[in-house]
Amino acid sequence: MNEEENEYFDSEDTNPALSQVIERNIRTIIRLRLKAANKRNLQDRIADAVTSFSGHIVFVYVHIVWFGAWIVLNTGRIGVHPFDPFPYGLLTMVVSLEAIFLSTFVLISQNRLSEESEYRANLNLQIALLTEHEVTRVLQMLDAIPDKMGIDNDEDSELADLEMETKPEDVLTEIERLQQLALKRKKANKRNRRSRLG
């Protein structure tokens, strides 16, 4: 992003209904999106333009007019010699080629968007892990304050659980274990139903 765009975001008036942190975060997100858009090469821009156009109702209207005109021209009733008589083999070939190219452009755009989504997901994961670590540390510090001041501290088991550092690999392992357990139960329930019916 160039200096002009940076100055634009930095010089804009802020919204009094939002905090400065929210304003800064919104501007950062917009900067990141613009930066990602500027990094696209010519092929990505073409694929995005084709995908964008094909996703609008105008695309449907263009095809309705095109197919209608093609059919009318090839009936021979308006004084034009049919160049693609029924069953419209040339039209079928052209539409098939269009479908091939259109699906390729859509896949190119989806692949790029998938990469951007993965990048954002990684960023979100890093921020979530950092936040979890910070919150755990704050809870540990808050729990230590009464001890330092000589105040009886009510040992709350929930607080002790929250003070434990959460390891992502442990969470993922537990999710996988519970999913496998749910699948086994589902299969067992299906077998039980079949045996009752059979």
N, C-alpha and C. Protein backbone atom coordinates (compact mmCIF):
# COMPACT_ATOMS: atom_id res chain seq x y z
N MET A 1 0.85 -1.18 0.00
CA MET A 1 0.00 0.00 0.00
C MET A 1 0.89 1.23 0.00
N ASN A 2 0.46 2.26 -0.72
CA ASN A 2 1.33 3.43 -0.85
C ASN A 2 1.11 4.42 0.30
N GLU A 3 1.97 5.43 0.34
CA GLU A 3 1.93 6.44 1.41
C GLU A 3 0.59 7.18 1.43
N GLU A 4 0.06 7.44 0.23
CA GLU A 4 -1.19 8.20 0.14
C GLU A 4 -2.33 7.46 0.85
N GLU A 5 -2.41 6.13 0.62
CA GLU A 5 -3.47 5.35 1.26
C GLU A 5 -3.27 5.30 2.78
N ASN A 6 -2.02 5.18 3.22
CA ASN A 6 -1.74 5.18 4.66
C ASN A 6 -2.17 6.49 5.30
N GLU A 7 -1.85 7.61 4.64
CA GLU A 7 -2.24 8.92 5.16
C GLU A 7 -3.75 9.06 5.20
N TYR A 8 -4.43 8.51 4.18
CA TYR A 8 -5.89 8.58 4.14
C TYR A 8 -6.48 7.90 5.38
N PHE A 9 -5.98 6.70 5.69
CA PHE A 9 -6.52 5.98 6.84
C PHE A 9 -6.16 6.67 8.15
N ASP A 10 -4.98 7.24 8.22
CA ASP A 10 -4.55 7.87 9.46
C ASP A 10 -5.18 9.23 9.68
N SER A 11 -5.56 9.92 8.60
CA SER A 11 -6.07 11.28 8.75
C SER A 11 -7.58 11.36 8.84
N GLU A 12 -8.27 10.26 8.58
CA GLU A 12 -9.73 10.29 8.61
C GLU A 12 -10.24 10.58 10.02
N ASP A 13 -11.37 11.27 10.07
CA ASP A 13 -11.99 11.54 11.37
C ASP A 13 -12.45 10.22 11.98
N THR A 14 -12.39 10.16 13.28
CA THR A 14 -12.82 8.95 13.96
C THR A 14 -14.29 9.04 14.28
N ASN A 15 -14.89 7.90 14.48
CA ASN A 15 -16.29 7.81 14.83
C ASN A 15 -16.40 7.92 16.34
N PRO A 16 -17.12 8.92 16.87
CA PRO A 16 -17.20 9.08 18.32
C PRO A 16 -17.92 7.94 19.02
N ALA A 17 -18.70 7.16 18.27
CA ALA A 17 -19.42 6.04 18.88
C ALA A 17 -18.52 4.83 19.11
N LEU A 18 -17.32 4.84 18.52
CA LEU A 18 -16.41 3.70 18.65
C LEU A 18 -15.15 4.12 19.42
N SER A 19 -14.58 3.15 20.12
CA SER A 19 -13.34 3.44 20.83
C SER A 19 -12.19 3.53 19.83
N GLN A 20 -11.10 4.13 20.26
CA GLN A 20 -9.93 4.27 19.38
C GLN A 20 -9.36 2.91 19.00
N VAL A 21 -9.44 1.95 19.91
CA VAL A 21 -8.92 0.61 19.62
C VAL A 21 -9.72 -0.03 18.49
N ILE A 22 -11.04 0.09 18.55
CA ILE A 22 -11.88 -0.48 17.50
C ILE A 22 -11.61 0.21 16.17
N GLU A 23 -11.51 1.54 16.21
CA GLU A 23 -11.20 2.30 14.99
C GLU A 23 -9.88 1.82 14.39
N ARG A 24 -8.87 1.68 15.23
CA ARG A 24 -7.56 1.24 14.76
C ARG A 24 -7.64 -0.17 14.16
N ASN A 25 -8.39 -1.05 14.81
CA ASN A 25 -8.52 -2.42 14.31
C ASN A 25 -9.24 -2.45 12.97
N ILE A 26 -10.29 -1.65 12.82
CA ILE A 26 -11.02 -1.60 11.55
C ILE A 26 -10.09 -1.13 10.44
N ARG A 27 -9.33 -0.08 10.71
CA ARG A 27 -8.41 0.45 9.70
C ARG A 27 -7.31 -0.56 9.36
N THR A 28 -6.86 -1.31 10.35
CA THR A 28 -5.84 -2.33 10.11
C THR A 28 -6.39 -3.43 9.21
N ILE A 29 -7.61 -3.86 9.47
CA ILE A 29 -8.23 -4.90 8.65
C ILE A 29 -8.37 -4.42 7.21
N ILE A 30 -8.82 -3.17 7.03
CA ILE A 30 -8.96 -2.63 5.68
C ILE A 30 -7.61 -2.55 4.98
N ARG A 31 -6.58 -2.12 5.71
CA ARG A 31 -5.22 -2.06 5.14
C ARG A 31 -4.77 -3.45 4.67
N LEU A 32 -5.00 -4.46 5.52
CA LEU A 32 -4.58 -5.81 5.18
C LEU A 32 -5.33 -6.33 3.95
N ARG A 33 -6.62 -6.03 3.85
CA ARG A 33 -7.40 -6.47 2.69
C ARG A 33 -6.92 -5.77 1.42
N LEU A 34 -6.64 -4.47 1.52
CA LEU A 34 -6.14 -3.74 0.36
C LEU A 34 -4.76 -4.26 -0.05
N LYS A 35 -3.94 -4.58 0.93
CA LYS A 35 -2.61 -5.10 0.63
C LYS A 35 -2.72 -6.44 -0.10
N ALA A 36 -3.63 -7.30 0.37
CA ALA A 36 -3.84 -8.60 -0.29
C ALA A 36 -4.37 -8.41 -1.70
N ALA A 37 -5.28 -7.45 -1.88
CA ALA A 37 -5.83 -7.18 -3.22
C ALA A 37 -4.75 -6.65 -4.15
N ASN A 38 -3.85 -5.83 -3.64
CA ASN A 38 -2.77 -5.27 -4.47
C ASN A 38 -1.72 -6.32 -4.84
N LYS A 39 -1.62 -7.39 -4.06
CA LYS A 39 -0.63 -8.43 -4.33
C LYS A 39 -1.07 -9.39 -5.45
N ARG A 40 -2.35 -9.31 -5.85
CA ARG A 40 -2.84 -10.21 -6.90
C ARG A 40 -2.13 -9.91 -8.22
N ASN A 41 -1.79 -10.97 -8.95
CA ASN A 41 -1.18 -10.78 -10.27
C ASN A 41 -2.28 -10.64 -11.32
N LEU A 42 -1.89 -10.43 -12.57
CA LEU A 42 -2.84 -10.19 -13.65
C LEU A 42 -3.82 -11.36 -13.81
N GLN A 43 -3.31 -12.58 -13.74
CA GLN A 43 -4.17 -13.75 -13.89
C GLN A 43 -5.23 -13.81 -12.78
N ASP A 44 -4.81 -13.51 -11.56
CA ASP A 44 -5.77 -13.51 -10.44
C ASP A 44 -6.83 -12.43 -10.62
N ARG A 45 -6.42 -11.27 -11.11
CA ARG A 45 -7.37 -10.17 -11.34
C ARG A 45 -8.38 -10.55 -12.42
N ILE A 46 -7.89 -11.19 -13.49
CA ILE A 46 -8.80 -11.62 -14.57
C ILE A 46 -9.77 -12.68 -14.03
N ALA A 47 -9.24 -13.66 -13.30
CA ALA A 47 -10.10 -14.71 -12.74
C ALA A 47 -11.14 -14.12 -11.80
N ASP A 48 -10.73 -13.17 -10.97
CA ASP A 48 -11.68 -12.53 -10.04
C ASP A 48 -12.74 -11.73 -10.79
N ALA A 49 -12.33 -11.04 -11.86
CA ALA A 49 -13.29 -10.24 -12.64
C ALA A 49 -14.31 -11.15 -13.31
N VAL A 50 -13.83 -12.25 -13.92
CA VAL A 50 -14.75 -13.19 -14.59
C VAL A 50 -15.68 -13.82 -13.56
N THR A 51 -15.14 -14.24 -12.43
CA THR A 51 -15.94 -14.86 -11.38
C THR A 51 -16.97 -13.88 -10.84
N SER A 52 -16.55 -12.66 -10.64
CA SER A 52 -17.46 -11.64 -10.13
C SER A 52 -18.60 -11.38 -11.12
N PHE A 53 -18.27 -11.24 -12.39
CA PHE A 53 -19.31 -10.98 -13.40
C PHE A 53 -20.26 -12.17 -13.51
N SER A 54 -19.71 -13.38 -13.51
CA SER A 54 -20.56 -14.57 -13.66
C SER A 54 -21.44 -14.81 -12.44
N GLY A 55 -21.14 -14.17 -11.34
CA GLY A 55 -21.94 -14.32 -10.14
C GLY A 55 -23.06 -13.31 -10.01
N HIS A 56 -23.28 -12.50 -11.05
CA HIS A 56 -24.34 -11.48 -11.01
C HIS A 56 -25.49 -11.87 -11.94
N ILE A 57 -26.65 -11.34 -11.68
CA ILE A 57 -27.84 -11.64 -12.47
C ILE A 57 -27.70 -11.15 -13.91
N VAL A 58 -26.86 -10.15 -14.13
CA VAL A 58 -26.63 -9.65 -15.49
C VAL A 58 -26.09 -10.78 -16.37
N PHE A 59 -25.26 -11.63 -15.80
CA PHE A 59 -24.71 -12.78 -16.52
C PHE A 59 -25.84 -13.67 -17.03
N VAL A 60 -26.84 -13.89 -16.21
CA VAL A 60 -28.00 -14.71 -16.60
C VAL A 60 -28.77 -14.02 -17.72
N TYR A 61 -29.00 -12.70 -17.58
CA TYR A 61 -29.73 -11.97 -18.61
C TYR A 61 -29.00 -12.00 -19.95
N VAL A 62 -27.69 -11.85 -19.92
CA VAL A 62 -26.89 -11.90 -21.16
C VAL A 62 -27.08 -13.25 -21.83
N HIS A 63 -27.08 -14.32 -21.05
CA HIS A 63 -27.25 -15.66 -21.62
C HIS A 63 -28.67 -15.88 -22.15
N ILE A 64 -29.65 -15.35 -21.46
CA ILE A 64 -31.03 -15.48 -21.95
C ILE A 64 -31.16 -14.80 -23.30
N VAL A 65 -30.63 -13.58 -23.41
CA VAL A 65 -30.69 -12.85 -24.69
C VAL A 65 -29.89 -13.60 -25.75
N TRP A 66 -28.70 -14.05 -25.40
CA TRP A 66 -27.84 -14.76 -26.34
C TRP A 66 -28.52 -16.03 -26.87
N PHE A 67 -29.02 -16.89 -25.95
CA PHE A 67 -29.65 -18.13 -26.37
C PHE A 67 -30.92 -17.87 -27.17
N GLY A 68 -31.71 -16.89 -26.71
CA GLY A 68 -32.94 -16.55 -27.44
C GLY A 68 -32.64 -16.09 -28.86
N ALA A 69 -31.66 -15.18 -29.00
CA ALA A 69 -31.30 -14.68 -30.32
C ALA A 69 -30.75 -15.80 -31.20
N TRP A 70 -29.92 -16.67 -30.61
CA TRP A 70 -29.33 -17.78 -31.35
C TRP A 70 -30.43 -18.69 -31.91
N ILE A 71 -31.39 -19.02 -31.06
CA ILE A 71 -32.47 -19.91 -31.48
C ILE A 71 -33.34 -19.26 -32.55
N VAL A 72 -33.68 -17.99 -32.33
CA VAL A 72 -34.51 -17.28 -33.31
C VAL A 72 -33.79 -17.16 -34.65
N LEU A 73 -32.50 -16.82 -34.64
CA LEU A 73 -31.74 -16.69 -35.88
C LEU A 73 -31.65 -18.02 -36.63
N ASN A 74 -31.61 -19.11 -35.90
CA ASN A 74 -31.43 -20.42 -36.53
C ASN A 74 -32.73 -21.13 -36.85
N THR A 75 -33.86 -20.45 -36.68
CA THR A 75 -35.14 -21.04 -37.12
C THR A 75 -35.35 -20.82 -38.60
N GLY A 76 -34.70 -19.80 -39.15
CA GLY A 76 -34.86 -19.47 -40.56
C GLY A 76 -36.10 -18.65 -40.85
N ARG A 77 -36.81 -18.22 -39.85
CA ARG A 77 -38.08 -17.50 -40.04
C ARG A 77 -37.91 -15.99 -40.21
N ILE A 78 -36.74 -15.45 -39.89
CA ILE A 78 -36.58 -14.00 -39.97
C ILE A 78 -35.70 -13.59 -41.16
N GLY A 79 -35.56 -14.49 -42.10
CA GLY A 79 -34.81 -14.15 -43.31
C GLY A 79 -33.32 -14.42 -43.24
N VAL A 80 -32.84 -15.02 -42.18
CA VAL A 80 -31.42 -15.35 -42.05
C VAL A 80 -31.27 -16.86 -42.24
N HIS A 81 -30.31 -17.23 -43.10
CA HIS A 81 -30.07 -18.66 -43.32
C HIS A 81 -29.50 -19.26 -42.03
N PRO A 82 -30.10 -20.36 -41.50
CA PRO A 82 -29.61 -20.97 -40.26
C PRO A 82 -28.16 -21.42 -40.37
N PHE A 83 -27.32 -20.94 -39.49
CA PHE A 83 -25.90 -21.34 -39.48
C PHE A 83 -25.65 -22.44 -38.46
N ASP A 84 -26.62 -22.69 -37.58
CA ASP A 84 -26.53 -23.76 -36.57
C ASP A 84 -27.93 -24.32 -36.32
N PRO A 85 -28.43 -25.10 -37.25
CA PRO A 85 -29.81 -25.59 -37.11
C PRO A 85 -29.97 -26.53 -35.90
N PHE A 86 -31.24 -26.71 -35.54
CA PHE A 86 -31.56 -27.61 -34.42
C PHE A 86 -30.87 -28.94 -34.66
N PRO A 87 -30.23 -29.51 -33.71
CA PRO A 87 -30.18 -29.34 -32.25
C PRO A 87 -29.08 -28.41 -31.76
N TYR A 88 -28.66 -27.47 -32.55
CA TYR A 88 -27.73 -26.41 -32.15
C TYR A 88 -26.40 -26.95 -31.63
N GLY A 89 -25.74 -27.73 -32.46
CA GLY A 89 -24.45 -28.34 -32.10
C GLY A 89 -23.36 -27.32 -31.81
N LEU A 90 -23.31 -26.24 -32.62
CA LEU A 90 -22.30 -25.21 -32.40
C LEU A 90 -22.55 -24.49 -31.07
N LEU A 91 -23.80 -24.19 -30.79
CA LEU A 91 -24.14 -23.55 -29.51
C LEU A 91 -23.75 -24.45 -28.33
N THR A 92 -24.03 -25.72 -28.48
CA THR A 92 -23.67 -26.67 -27.41
C THR A 92 -22.16 -26.68 -27.17
N MET A 93 -21.39 -26.68 -28.26
CA MET A 93 -19.93 -26.68 -28.12
C MET A 93 -19.44 -25.39 -27.45
N VAL A 94 -19.98 -24.25 -27.90
CA VAL A 94 -19.56 -22.96 -27.34
C VAL A 94 -19.90 -22.89 -25.84
N VAL A 95 -21.10 -23.34 -25.49
CA VAL A 95 -21.51 -23.31 -24.08
C VAL A 95 -20.65 -24.27 -23.25
N SER A 96 -20.30 -25.42 -23.81
CA SER A 96 -19.42 -26.37 -23.09
C SER A 96 -18.05 -25.75 -22.84
N LEU A 97 -17.50 -25.10 -23.87
CA LEU A 97 -16.20 -24.44 -23.68
C LEU A 97 -16.30 -23.33 -22.66
N GLU A 98 -17.38 -22.57 -22.70
CA GLU A 98 -17.58 -21.50 -21.72
C GLU A 98 -17.63 -22.07 -20.30
N ALA A 99 -18.33 -23.20 -20.15
CA ALA A 99 -18.43 -23.82 -18.83
C ALA A 99 -17.07 -24.28 -18.32
N ILE A 100 -16.25 -24.82 -19.21
CA ILE A 100 -14.91 -25.27 -18.81
C ILE A 100 -14.08 -24.09 -18.32
N PHE A 101 -14.05 -23.02 -19.12
CA PHE A 101 -13.26 -21.85 -18.73
C PHE A 101 -13.81 -21.17 -17.49
N LEU A 102 -15.13 -21.06 -17.42
CA LEU A 102 -15.75 -20.41 -16.27
C LEU A 102 -15.45 -21.18 -14.98
N SER A 103 -15.57 -22.50 -15.02
CA SER A 103 -15.27 -23.28 -13.82
C SER A 103 -13.80 -23.16 -13.43
N THR A 104 -12.91 -23.07 -14.42
CA THR A 104 -11.48 -22.89 -14.12
C THR A 104 -11.23 -21.55 -13.45
N PHE A 105 -11.85 -20.48 -13.96
CA PHE A 105 -11.70 -19.16 -13.35
C PHE A 105 -12.23 -19.16 -11.91
N VAL A 106 -13.36 -19.82 -11.70
CA VAL A 106 -13.93 -19.88 -10.35
C VAL A 106 -12.98 -20.63 -9.42
N LEU A 107 -12.40 -21.74 -9.89
CA LEU A 107 -11.46 -22.49 -9.06
C LEU A 107 -10.21 -21.68 -8.73
N ILE A 108 -9.72 -20.91 -9.70
CA ILE A 108 -8.55 -20.06 -9.44
C ILE A 108 -8.87 -19.06 -8.34
N SER A 109 -10.03 -18.42 -8.45
CA SER A 109 -10.44 -17.44 -7.42
C SER A 109 -10.62 -18.11 -6.07
N GLN A 110 -11.24 -19.30 -6.06
CA GLN A 110 -11.46 -20.00 -4.80
C GLN A 110 -10.14 -20.42 -4.16
N ASN A 111 -9.18 -20.85 -4.96
CA ASN A 111 -7.88 -21.23 -4.42
C ASN A 111 -7.20 -20.04 -3.75
N ARG A 112 -7.25 -18.88 -4.41
CA ARG A 112 -6.64 -17.69 -3.82
C ARG A 112 -7.36 -17.30 -2.53
N LEU A 113 -8.69 -17.33 -2.55
CA LEU A 113 -9.44 -17.00 -1.34
C LEU A 113 -9.18 -18.01 -0.23
N SER A 114 -9.00 -19.26 -0.60
CA SER A 114 -8.69 -20.29 0.39
C SER A 114 -7.33 -20.02 1.05
N GLU A 115 -6.35 -19.60 0.26
CA GLU A 115 -5.05 -19.26 0.83
C GLU A 115 -5.15 -18.08 1.78
N GLU A 116 -5.94 -17.06 1.38
CA GLU A 116 -6.13 -15.91 2.26
C GLU A 116 -6.86 -16.31 3.55
N SER A 117 -7.84 -17.20 3.43
CA SER A 117 -8.58 -17.66 4.61
C SER A 117 -7.67 -18.44 5.55
N GLU A 118 -6.79 -19.26 4.98
CA GLU A 118 -5.85 -20.02 5.80
C GLU A 118 -4.89 -19.08 6.53
N TYR A 119 -4.44 -18.05 5.83
CA TYR A 119 -3.56 -17.05 6.45
C TYR A 119 -4.28 -16.38 7.62
N ARG A 120 -5.54 -15.97 7.40
CA ARG A 120 -6.31 -15.33 8.47
C ARG A 120 -6.58 -16.29 9.62
N ALA A 121 -6.85 -17.55 9.30
CA ALA A 121 -7.09 -18.55 10.35
C ALA A 121 -5.84 -18.73 11.20
N ASN A 122 -4.68 -18.76 10.56
CA ASN A 122 -3.42 -18.87 11.32
C ASN A 122 -3.22 -17.65 12.22
N LEU A 123 -3.52 -16.48 11.68
CA LEU A 123 -3.41 -15.26 12.48
C LEU A 123 -4.37 -15.31 13.67
N ASN A 124 -5.62 -15.72 13.42
CA ASN A 124 -6.60 -15.83 14.50
C ASN A 124 -6.17 -16.82 15.56
N LEU A 125 -5.60 -17.96 15.12
CA LEU A 125 -5.12 -18.96 16.07
C LEU A 125 -3.99 -18.39 16.93
N GLN A 126 -3.05 -17.70 16.31
CA GLN A 126 -1.94 -17.12 17.07
C GLN A 126 -2.44 -16.11 18.10
N ILE A 127 -3.37 -15.27 17.69
CA ILE A 127 -3.92 -14.26 18.61
C ILE A 127 -4.70 -14.94 19.73
N ALA A 128 -5.48 -15.98 19.39
CA ALA A 128 -6.25 -16.69 20.41
C ALA A 128 -5.32 -17.37 21.42
N LEU A 129 -4.24 -17.98 20.92
CA LEU A 129 -3.28 -18.63 21.83
C LEU A 129 -2.59 -17.60 22.73
N LEU A 130 -2.23 -16.48 22.16
CA LEU A 130 -1.61 -15.42 22.94
C LEU A 130 -2.58 -14.89 24.00
N THR A 131 -3.81 -14.67 23.60
CA THR A 131 -4.83 -14.18 24.54
C THR A 131 -5.05 -15.18 25.67
N GLU A 132 -5.14 -16.46 25.32
CA GLU A 132 -5.35 -17.49 26.33
C GLU A 132 -4.18 -17.50 27.32
N HIS A 133 -2.97 -17.37 26.80
CA HIS A 133 -1.78 -17.36 27.67
C HIS A 133 -1.81 -16.14 28.60
N GLU A 134 -2.16 -14.98 28.03
CA GLU A 134 -2.20 -13.75 28.84
C GLU A 134 -3.28 -13.83 29.92
N VAL A 135 -4.44 -14.33 29.56
CA VAL A 135 -5.54 -14.43 30.53
C VAL A 135 -5.17 -15.41 31.65
N THR A 136 -4.55 -16.53 31.27
CA THR A 136 -4.11 -17.50 32.28
C THR A 136 -3.11 -16.85 33.24
N ARG A 137 -2.18 -16.10 32.70
CA ARG A 137 -1.17 -15.43 33.54
C ARG A 137 -1.82 -14.40 34.46
N VAL A 138 -2.78 -13.63 33.94
CA VAL A 138 -3.49 -12.65 34.77
C VAL A 138 -4.24 -13.34 35.90
N LEU A 139 -4.91 -14.47 35.59
CA LEU A 139 -5.62 -15.20 36.64
C LEU A 139 -4.65 -15.71 37.71
N GLN A 140 -3.49 -16.19 37.30
CA GLN A 140 -2.50 -16.66 38.26
C GLN A 140 -2.03 -15.51 39.15
N MET A 141 -1.82 -14.34 38.54
CA MET A 141 -1.37 -13.18 39.32
C MET A 141 -2.46 -12.71 40.28
N LEU A 142 -3.70 -12.69 39.81
CA LEU A 142 -4.80 -12.28 40.68
C LEU A 142 -4.98 -13.25 41.84
N ASP A 143 -4.78 -14.52 41.57
CA ASP A 143 -4.92 -15.53 42.63
C ASP A 143 -3.79 -15.41 43.65
N ALA A 144 -2.63 -14.92 43.21
CA ALA A 144 -1.48 -14.79 44.11
C ALA A 144 -1.59 -13.56 45.02
N ILE A 145 -2.38 -12.57 44.61
CA ILE A 145 -2.50 -11.34 45.40
C ILE A 145 -2.99 -11.60 46.83
N PRO A 146 -4.08 -12.35 47.04
CA PRO A 146 -4.51 -12.59 48.43
C PRO A 146 -3.45 -13.32 49.26
N ASP A 147 -2.71 -14.24 48.65
CA ASP A 147 -1.65 -14.95 49.37
C ASP A 147 -0.57 -13.98 49.83
N LYS A 148 -0.17 -13.05 48.96
CA LYS A 148 0.86 -12.07 49.31
C LYS A 148 0.39 -11.12 50.41
N MET A 149 -0.92 -10.85 50.42
CA MET A 149 -1.45 -9.91 51.40
C MET A 149 -1.88 -10.60 52.70
N GLY A 150 -1.74 -11.92 52.73
CA GLY A 150 -2.09 -12.65 53.94
C GLY A 150 -3.59 -12.84 54.12
N ILE A 151 -4.32 -12.77 53.07
CA ILE A 151 -5.78 -12.94 53.12
C ILE A 151 -6.09 -14.38 52.77
N ASP A 152 -7.07 -14.98 53.53
CA ASP A 152 -7.47 -16.34 53.22
C ASP A 152 -8.06 -16.38 51.81
N ASN A 153 -7.54 -17.29 51.04
CA ASN A 153 -7.99 -17.42 49.66
C ASN A 153 -8.88 -18.64 49.55
N ASP A 154 -10.10 -18.44 49.08
CA ASP A 154 -11.03 -19.54 48.88
C ASP A 154 -10.55 -20.35 47.68
N GLU A 155 -10.15 -21.58 47.91
CA GLU A 155 -9.65 -22.43 46.83
C GLU A 155 -10.82 -22.89 45.98
N ASP A 156 -11.00 -22.25 44.88
CA ASP A 156 -12.08 -22.57 43.95
C ASP A 156 -11.51 -23.48 42.87
N SER A 157 -12.10 -24.67 42.72
CA SER A 157 -11.57 -25.62 41.74
C SER A 157 -11.71 -25.09 40.32
N GLU A 158 -12.76 -24.32 40.06
CA GLU A 158 -12.94 -23.76 38.72
C GLU A 158 -11.83 -22.76 38.41
N LEU A 159 -11.46 -21.95 39.40
CA LEU A 159 -10.38 -21.00 39.22
C LEU A 159 -9.06 -21.74 38.97
N ALA A 160 -8.85 -22.83 39.71
CA ALA A 160 -7.63 -23.61 39.50
C ALA A 160 -7.59 -24.19 38.09
N ASP A 161 -8.75 -24.62 37.57
CA ASP A 161 -8.81 -25.13 36.20
C ASP A 161 -8.49 -24.03 35.20
N LEU A 162 -9.02 -22.83 35.46
CA LEU A 162 -8.78 -21.72 34.55
C LEU A 162 -7.33 -21.26 34.57
N GLU A 163 -6.66 -21.44 35.70
CA GLU A 163 -5.27 -21.02 35.83
C GLU A 163 -4.30 -21.96 35.10
N MET A 164 -4.78 -23.14 34.74
CA MET A 164 -3.91 -24.09 34.03
C MET A 164 -3.69 -23.60 32.60
N GLU A 165 -2.48 -23.76 32.14
CA GLU A 165 -2.14 -23.39 30.76
C GLU A 165 -2.81 -24.38 29.81
N THR A 166 -3.52 -23.89 28.83
CA THR A 166 -4.19 -24.75 27.86
C THR A 166 -3.26 -24.98 26.68
N LYS A 167 -3.02 -26.24 26.39
CA LYS A 167 -2.16 -26.60 25.27
C LYS A 167 -3.04 -26.97 24.08
N PRO A 168 -2.83 -26.32 22.94
CA PRO A 168 -3.68 -26.59 21.78
C PRO A 168 -3.70 -28.06 21.38
N GLU A 169 -2.55 -28.72 21.46
CA GLU A 169 -2.50 -30.12 21.06
C GLU A 169 -3.38 -30.99 21.96
N ASP A 170 -3.47 -30.63 23.26
CA ASP A 170 -4.34 -31.37 24.16
C ASP A 170 -5.81 -31.17 23.79
N VAL A 171 -6.16 -29.94 23.45
CA VAL A 171 -7.54 -29.65 23.06
C VAL A 171 -7.90 -30.40 21.78
N LEU A 172 -7.00 -30.38 20.79
CA LEU A 172 -7.27 -31.08 19.53
C LEU A 172 -7.38 -32.58 19.73
N THR A 173 -6.53 -33.14 20.59
CA THR A 173 -6.59 -34.57 20.88
C THR A 173 -7.92 -34.94 21.52
N GLU A 174 -8.38 -34.10 22.45
CA GLU A 174 -9.65 -34.38 23.12
C GLU A 174 -10.83 -34.25 22.15
N ILE A 175 -10.78 -33.26 21.27
CA ILE A 175 -11.84 -33.11 20.26
C ILE A 175 -11.89 -34.34 19.37
N GLU A 176 -10.71 -34.79 18.93
CA GLU A 176 -10.65 -35.97 18.07
C GLU A 176 -11.16 -37.21 18.80
N ARG A 177 -10.78 -37.37 20.07
CA ARG A 177 -11.22 -38.52 20.85
C ARG A 177 -12.74 -38.54 20.99
N LEU A 178 -13.32 -37.38 21.29
CA LEU A 178 -14.77 -37.31 21.46
C LEU A 178 -15.50 -37.51 20.14
N GLN A 179 -14.92 -37.03 19.04
CA GLN A 179 -15.54 -37.26 17.74
C GLN A 179 -15.53 -38.75 17.39
N GLN A 180 -14.41 -39.42 17.66
CA GLN A 180 -14.32 -40.86 17.40
C GLN A 180 -15.33 -41.61 18.26
N LEU A 181 -15.46 -41.20 19.51
CA LEU A 181 -16.41 -41.83 20.42
C LEU A 181 -17.84 -41.63 19.91
N ALA A 182 -18.15 -40.43 19.44
CA ALA A 182 -19.49 -40.16 18.91
C ALA A 182 -19.76 -41.00 17.66
N LEU A 183 -18.76 -41.16 16.79
CA LEU A 183 -18.92 -42.00 15.60
C LEU A 183 -19.16 -43.46 15.97
N LYS A 184 -18.42 -43.96 16.96
CA LYS A 184 -18.61 -45.35 17.41
C LYS A 184 -20.02 -45.55 17.96
N ARG A 185 -20.49 -44.58 18.75
CA ARG A 185 -21.85 -44.68 19.30
C ARG A 185 -22.89 -44.65 18.20
N LYS A 186 -22.67 -43.80 17.20
CA LYS A 186 -23.60 -43.70 16.09
C LYS A 186 -23.68 -45.03 15.33
N LYS A 187 -22.50 -45.62 15.07
CA LYS A 187 -22.47 -46.91 14.37
C LYS A 187 -23.14 -48.00 15.21
N ALA A 188 -22.88 -47.97 16.52
CA ALA A 188 -23.50 -48.97 17.40
C ALA A 188 -25.02 -48.80 17.41
N ASN A 189 -25.49 -47.57 17.43
CA ASN A 189 -26.94 -47.33 17.41
C ASN A 189 -27.56 -47.82 16.11
N LYS A 190 -26.87 -47.63 14.99
CA LYS A 190 -27.36 -48.12 13.70
C LYS A 190 -27.46 -49.65 13.71
N ARG A 191 -26.42 -50.29 14.23
CA ARG A 191 -26.43 -51.77 14.30
C ARG A 191 -27.57 -52.26 15.18
N ASN A 192 -27.78 -51.57 16.31
CA ASN A 192 -28.86 -51.97 17.21
C ASN A 192 -30.22 -51.82 16.54
N ARG A 193 -30.42 -50.74 15.79
CA ARG A 193 -31.69 -50.53 15.09
C ARG A 193 -31.90 -51.61 14.04
N ARG A 194 -30.83 -51.93 13.29
CA ARG A 194 -30.94 -52.96 12.26
C ARG A 194 -31.28 -54.31 12.87
N SER A 195 -30.61 -54.62 13.99
CA SER A 195 -30.87 -55.92 14.62
C SER A 195 -32.31 -55.99 15.16
N ARG A 196 -32.84 -54.87 15.64
CA ARG A 196 -34.23 -54.85 16.11
C ARG A 196 -35.21 -55.03 14.96
N LEU A 197 -34.90 -54.40 13.81
CA LEU A 197 -35.78 -54.48 12.65
C LEU A 197 -35.64 -55.83 11.93
N GLY A 198 -34.43 -56.37 11.96
CA GLY A 198 -34.14 -57.60 11.20
C GLY A 198 -34.49 -58.80 11.96
